[in-house]
Protein backbone atom coordinates (compact mmCIF):
# COMPACT_ATOMS: atom_id res chain seq x y z
CA MET A 1 185.42 -48.57 -25.97
CA TYR A 2 181.94 -49.97 -26.97
CA GLN A 3 179.91 -49.82 -29.82
CA LYS A 4 175.96 -49.54 -29.60
CA VAL A 5 173.65 -51.47 -30.90
CA GLY A 6 172.24 -49.84 -34.15
CA LEU A 7 174.96 -47.02 -33.94
CA LYS A 8 175.27 -45.86 -38.17
CA SER A 9 178.89 -47.09 -39.29
CA ARG A 10 179.95 -44.54 -42.05
CA ILE A 11 182.73 -42.79 -41.56
CA VAL A 12 184.83 -40.49 -44.04
CA ILE A 13 188.63 -40.04 -42.47
CA PHE A 14 190.84 -36.63 -43.83
CA GLY A 15 194.35 -37.23 -43.56
CA CYS A 16 195.14 -40.95 -42.64
CA GLY A 17 198.88 -40.52 -41.54
CA TYR A 18 199.91 -41.52 -37.46
CA VAL A 19 196.53 -41.22 -35.94
CA GLY A 20 193.83 -41.05 -38.84
CA GLY A 21 195.36 -44.75 -40.34
CA GLU A 22 194.91 -45.87 -36.86
CA LEU A 23 191.33 -45.03 -36.47
CA ALA A 24 190.56 -46.59 -39.93
CA HIS A 25 191.59 -49.76 -38.67
CA SER A 26 189.86 -49.62 -35.67
CA CYS A 27 186.82 -48.58 -37.38
CA LEU A 28 186.88 -51.70 -39.71
CA GLU A 29 186.80 -53.94 -36.86
CA ARG A 30 184.12 -52.49 -35.63
CA GLY A 31 182.81 -52.99 -39.13
CA TRP A 32 182.01 -49.74 -39.71
CA GLN A 33 182.28 -47.91 -44.01
CA VAL A 34 185.68 -46.12 -44.37
CA THR A 35 186.52 -43.66 -46.61
CA ALA A 36 189.98 -42.27 -46.44
CA LEU A 37 191.38 -39.01 -47.82
CA THR A 38 195.26 -38.77 -47.95
CA ARG A 39 197.94 -37.27 -49.76
CA ASN A 40 200.11 -40.46 -49.68
CA LYS A 41 199.83 -42.93 -52.63
CA ASN A 42 201.26 -45.87 -50.46
CA LYS A 43 199.45 -44.90 -47.52
CA ALA A 44 196.26 -45.43 -49.97
CA ASP A 45 197.44 -49.14 -51.42
CA SER A 46 198.06 -49.95 -47.60
CA LEU A 47 194.19 -48.87 -46.49
CA LEU A 48 192.88 -50.10 -50.12
CA LYS A 49 194.11 -53.86 -49.09
CA SER A 50 192.66 -53.62 -45.66
CA GLY A 51 189.08 -52.62 -47.07
CA VAL A 52 189.09 -48.68 -47.03
CA GLU A 53 187.44 -47.05 -49.71
CA THR A 54 190.81 -44.33 -50.67
CA VAL A 55 190.91 -40.76 -52.38
CA VAL A 56 194.23 -39.73 -52.75
CA ALA A 57 193.81 -35.54 -52.83
CA ASP A 58 194.96 -32.69 -51.33
CA LEU A 59 192.08 -31.82 -48.79
CA HIS A 60 192.16 -28.06 -49.63
CA SER A 61 191.45 -28.87 -53.28
CA THR A 62 188.19 -29.36 -54.64
CA ASP A 63 189.37 -32.19 -56.97
CA TRP A 64 187.52 -34.97 -54.24
CA HIS A 65 184.78 -33.39 -53.58
CA LYS A 66 182.64 -35.72 -56.42
CA LYS A 67 184.90 -39.10 -55.46
CA ILE A 68 183.53 -39.15 -51.77
CA SER A 69 179.78 -40.13 -51.47
CA THR A 70 178.50 -37.39 -48.69
CA GLU A 71 176.18 -40.09 -47.46
CA GLN A 72 178.29 -40.36 -44.03
CA ASP A 73 177.50 -40.26 -41.02
CA TYR A 74 180.85 -39.22 -38.83
CA LEU A 75 183.36 -37.10 -40.54
CA VAL A 76 187.45 -36.77 -38.56
CA ASN A 77 189.54 -34.50 -39.86
CA CYS A 78 192.76 -35.18 -38.65
CA VAL A 79 194.68 -33.69 -40.97
CA GLY A 80 198.71 -33.11 -40.75
CA ALA A 81 200.32 -30.10 -42.56
CA ALA A 82 201.44 -30.81 -45.75
CA GLU A 83 204.82 -28.77 -45.13
CA PRO A 84 206.13 -27.24 -41.28
CA SER A 85 205.41 -23.87 -43.26
CA ILE A 86 203.02 -21.22 -42.74
CA ASN A 87 201.51 -21.86 -45.78
CA GLY A 88 201.68 -25.33 -45.94
CA TYR A 89 199.45 -25.18 -42.16
CA ILE A 90 197.47 -22.67 -44.47
CA ASN A 91 196.59 -24.81 -46.47
CA SER A 92 195.91 -28.25 -44.57
CA TYR A 93 194.35 -26.68 -41.80
CA ARG A 94 192.25 -23.32 -42.27
CA MET A 95 191.69 -23.86 -46.29
CA GLY A 96 191.17 -27.78 -45.49
CA MET A 97 188.13 -27.39 -43.11
CA LYS A 98 186.57 -25.29 -45.38
CA SER A 99 187.37 -27.65 -48.62
CA ILE A 100 185.25 -30.40 -45.66
CA LEU A 101 182.15 -27.62 -45.37
CA LYS A 102 182.24 -26.65 -49.13
CA TRP A 103 182.50 -30.60 -49.99
CA THR A 104 178.69 -30.51 -46.99
CA GLU A 105 176.92 -28.66 -49.14
CA GLN A 106 175.94 -30.96 -51.43
CA ALA A 107 174.80 -33.52 -48.87
CA ASN A 108 170.68 -34.23 -48.77
CA SER A 109 170.63 -34.76 -45.28
CA SER A 110 172.87 -33.84 -41.82
CA PHE A 111 176.07 -35.42 -40.90
CA ASP A 112 175.79 -37.22 -37.04
CA ALA A 113 179.11 -35.59 -36.06
CA LEU A 114 182.26 -33.59 -37.39
CA LEU A 115 185.42 -33.99 -35.61
CA PHE A 116 188.65 -32.05 -36.03
CA THR A 117 192.10 -32.98 -34.19
CA SER A 118 193.90 -29.81 -33.05
CA SER A 119 196.76 -29.75 -30.71
CA THR A 120 197.85 -28.52 -27.51
CA SER A 121 200.24 -26.50 -29.89
CA VAL A 122 197.84 -23.62 -29.29
CA TYR A 123 198.38 -23.19 -25.98
CA PRO A 124 201.79 -20.73 -25.60
CA GLN A 125 202.49 -20.77 -22.02
CA THR A 126 205.91 -20.63 -20.90
CA ASP A 127 205.65 -20.92 -16.97
CA GLY A 128 205.16 -24.16 -16.45
CA SER A 129 201.37 -23.43 -15.64
CA PHE A 130 198.21 -25.73 -15.49
CA VAL A 131 196.48 -24.81 -18.96
CA SER A 132 192.54 -26.13 -19.55
CA GLU A 133 190.39 -25.68 -22.54
CA GLU A 134 189.15 -21.69 -20.87
CA SER A 135 192.91 -21.02 -20.94
CA ASN A 136 194.59 -17.99 -23.26
CA HIS A 137 196.24 -18.07 -26.45
CA MET A 138 197.75 -14.49 -26.14
CA GLY A 139 201.40 -14.67 -27.87
CA ILE A 140 200.68 -17.76 -30.14
CA SER A 141 202.18 -18.55 -32.97
CA GLU A 142 201.12 -17.49 -36.66
CA ARG A 143 200.84 -21.37 -37.23
CA GLY A 144 198.92 -22.11 -33.79
CA LYS A 145 196.51 -18.90 -34.72
CA VAL A 146 195.88 -21.01 -38.25
CA LEU A 147 194.74 -24.15 -36.08
CA LEU A 148 192.83 -21.87 -33.75
CA ASP A 149 191.02 -21.00 -37.23
CA ALA A 150 190.55 -24.21 -38.59
CA GLU A 151 188.96 -24.93 -34.84
CA ASP A 152 186.64 -22.04 -35.14
CA LEU A 153 185.39 -23.16 -38.72
CA CYS A 154 184.85 -26.47 -37.36
CA ARG A 155 182.72 -25.54 -34.08
CA LYS A 156 180.76 -22.57 -36.00
CA ALA A 157 179.71 -25.77 -38.30
CA SER A 158 175.78 -25.54 -39.33
CA VAL A 159 173.38 -26.85 -36.59
CA ALA A 160 171.21 -28.10 -39.27
CA ARG A 161 173.97 -29.88 -41.04
CA PHE A 162 176.27 -31.40 -38.37
CA LYS A 163 174.20 -32.65 -34.97
CA ARG A 164 177.46 -32.46 -33.42
CA ARG A 165 181.03 -30.71 -33.52
CA PHE A 166 184.17 -31.47 -31.63
CA VAL A 167 187.71 -29.86 -31.60
CA LEU A 168 190.30 -32.37 -29.54
CA ARG A 169 193.10 -30.58 -29.00
CA PHE A 170 195.70 -33.42 -28.69
CA ALA A 171 199.29 -33.55 -26.84
CA GLY A 172 202.58 -34.67 -28.22
CA LEU A 173 201.68 -37.94 -30.27
CA TYR A 174 204.21 -41.18 -29.38
CA GLY A 175 203.72 -45.06 -30.07
CA PRO A 176 204.57 -47.22 -32.38
CA GLY A 177 207.12 -45.62 -35.01
CA ARG A 178 207.13 -42.29 -32.96
CA HIS A 179 209.28 -42.15 -30.33
CA LEU A 180 212.12 -39.94 -30.77
CA LEU A 181 213.70 -39.94 -27.65
CA ILE A 182 214.58 -43.19 -27.41
CA ASN A 183 216.40 -42.88 -30.92
CA GLN A 184 218.59 -39.54 -29.11
CA ILE A 185 219.24 -41.71 -25.81
CA MET A 186 220.29 -45.01 -28.21
CA ALA A 187 222.31 -42.16 -30.61
CA GLY A 188 224.29 -40.82 -26.75
CA LYS A 189 224.17 -37.47 -28.41
CA LYS A 190 222.73 -34.74 -25.93
CA ILE A 191 219.64 -33.20 -26.50
CA ARG A 192 218.57 -30.10 -27.77
CA GLY A 193 216.83 -27.32 -25.05
CA SER A 194 215.96 -28.34 -21.67
CA GLY A 195 215.55 -31.04 -20.11
CA LYS A 196 213.37 -28.66 -16.84
CA ARG A 197 210.74 -28.16 -19.47
CA ILE A 198 207.07 -30.28 -19.33
CA LEU A 199 206.24 -33.18 -21.75
CA ASN A 200 202.81 -33.55 -22.58
CA LEU A 201 201.94 -36.97 -23.98
CA LEU A 202 199.31 -38.74 -25.60
CA HIS A 203 199.78 -42.37 -27.25
CA GLN A 204 198.48 -43.13 -30.46
CA LYS A 205 195.70 -45.92 -29.17
CA ASP A 206 194.58 -43.46 -26.49
CA ALA A 207 194.37 -40.82 -28.77
CA VAL A 208 192.25 -42.87 -31.22
CA ASP A 209 189.67 -43.98 -28.16
CA ALA A 210 189.37 -40.43 -27.49
CA ILE A 211 187.95 -39.70 -31.00
CA LEU A 212 185.87 -43.04 -30.90
CA ALA A 213 184.27 -41.94 -27.35
CA CYS A 214 183.13 -38.44 -28.30
CA LEU A 215 181.23 -40.31 -32.02
CA ASP A 216 179.71 -43.10 -29.74
CA SER A 217 178.33 -40.44 -27.63
CA ASP A 218 174.80 -39.36 -28.72
CA ASN A 219 173.97 -36.53 -26.26
CA PRO A 220 173.74 -33.60 -28.76
CA GLU A 221 174.99 -30.70 -25.73
CA ILE A 222 178.45 -32.33 -25.81
CA SER A 223 179.50 -30.46 -28.75
CA GLY A 224 183.13 -28.68 -27.62
CA THR A 225 186.62 -28.53 -27.56
CA TYR A 226 188.85 -31.01 -25.33
CA ASN A 227 192.12 -31.27 -24.26
CA VAL A 228 193.33 -34.93 -24.88
CA ALA A 229 196.34 -35.56 -22.73
CA ASP A 230 197.55 -38.58 -20.29
CA ASP A 231 198.25 -38.43 -16.46
CA ARG A 232 201.70 -37.31 -16.18
CA HIS A 233 203.63 -34.03 -15.76
CA ALA A 234 206.66 -34.98 -16.87
CA SER A 235 209.64 -33.02 -17.87
CA ARG A 236 211.79 -34.28 -20.26
CA ALA A 237 215.03 -34.85 -17.83
CA GLU A 238 212.93 -37.19 -15.76
CA ILE A 239 211.54 -39.03 -19.49
CA VAL A 240 215.23 -39.19 -20.45
CA GLU A 241 216.41 -40.43 -16.93
CA TRP A 242 213.91 -43.36 -17.08
CA VAL A 243 214.64 -44.11 -20.49
CA ALA A 244 217.98 -44.46 -20.29
CA LYS A 245 217.85 -46.38 -17.14
CA ARG A 246 215.39 -49.24 -18.75
CA LEU A 247 217.92 -49.46 -21.43
CA ASP A 248 221.23 -49.39 -19.31
CA LEU A 249 222.08 -46.56 -21.63
CA LYS A 250 224.14 -43.78 -19.97
CA ASN A 251 222.07 -40.34 -19.84
CA PRO A 252 223.33 -38.46 -22.89
CA GLY A 253 221.97 -34.89 -21.18
CA PHE A 254 220.22 -31.94 -22.37
CA VAL A 255 222.18 -28.71 -24.22
CA GLU A 256 220.24 -26.89 -21.88
CA ILE A 257 220.60 -23.55 -24.19
CA GLU A 258 216.66 -23.01 -25.63
CA GLN A 259 214.86 -20.23 -27.52
CA PRO A 260 213.35 -17.73 -25.00
CA GLY A 261 209.25 -18.22 -25.48
CA HIS A 262 209.45 -21.85 -25.68
CA PRO A 263 205.73 -23.19 -24.23
CA ASP A 264 206.06 -24.77 -21.07
CA ARG A 265 202.80 -25.88 -19.85
CA ARG A 266 200.77 -28.69 -17.78
CA VAL A 267 197.79 -29.87 -19.82
CA VAL A 268 194.57 -30.21 -17.80
CA SER A 269 192.28 -32.90 -19.69
CA GLU A 270 189.13 -33.57 -16.91
CA ASN A 271 186.68 -32.30 -19.36
CA ILE A 272 186.82 -35.52 -21.25
CA ARG A 273 187.44 -37.68 -18.65
CA GLU A 274 184.00 -36.53 -16.93
CA ILE A 275 181.93 -35.70 -19.76
CA PHE A 276 182.73 -38.93 -22.35
CA ASN A 277 184.24 -41.49 -19.34
CA TRP A 278 187.20 -41.31 -21.87
CA LYS A 279 190.32 -42.55 -19.60
CA PRO A 280 193.94 -43.41 -21.29
CA LYS A 281 195.00 -46.57 -21.47
CA PHE A 282 198.04 -45.53 -21.14
CA PRO A 283 198.46 -43.44 -17.97
CA GLY A 284 201.74 -42.12 -17.85
CA PHE A 285 205.15 -42.12 -19.96
CA GLU A 286 206.42 -45.04 -18.15
CA VAL A 287 203.29 -47.66 -19.17
CA GLY A 288 203.70 -46.25 -22.92
CA TYR A 289 207.43 -46.82 -23.35
CA GLU A 290 207.78 -49.86 -21.67
CA ASP A 291 205.11 -51.04 -24.24
CA LEU A 292 207.74 -49.55 -27.22
CA LEU A 293 210.52 -51.28 -25.48
CA ALA A 294 209.14 -54.65 -25.74
CA THR A 295 209.12 -54.51 -29.38
CA LEU A 296 212.55 -52.83 -30.19
């Protein structure tokens, strides 16, 4: 990634969890002025010590509207659901995006970019097929519909207020502190579900780089929705077998009993690669997990 000469450098990150927190640190390294909104006071305290201006609040509320200046260049909404229930999704995603848009009505000038990090879970395909940004969402869950609503709010945000609008659909995130399969293999118990199901993965650092690639581009014609995933479409069984051998542990195997309709697809992310010249530093699970195993 690079920083253009003269690039404006004021960013608000709404939701500073796994991706947002790492994004905040990357922006600080660039010398940007970073403001973060988070529900987690401990996270806020940690970010504050590193030089991030922090506000503790629920995104869907209006409590924070007067606490964050609208004199900003970039707005990145990478909030996670407050809870896995449908109400948790509605509050965090749909109402959260509406709260951001309401707050921007106070601004005296336009913003350079609005970016929302969504998820490839909006693709409900169950047949192992390849899916692109044009693939359908028929049969999507209620929670998935809420994500699509939030995406739509982002894409349709005022052109006069936002020069560019991006929706990034992230594949399954993994990286430091998030490696469930490794934990399950080390526990030695059979893993729930089918080993044949495809896992679409994205390393935390690659997710942050994808966000910055979008913000760095100054072309207003490239607003849109982009899938973001690594180069591999490995099955859960393939990943577990590789990790088990690498750790010299017995492969625990899978229960192989799974509820019908569980998503099983191969996410294609060629558009973000071609348009933004983005490519993952961790192109496959082997590289990503090798990096993780070295730290355990």
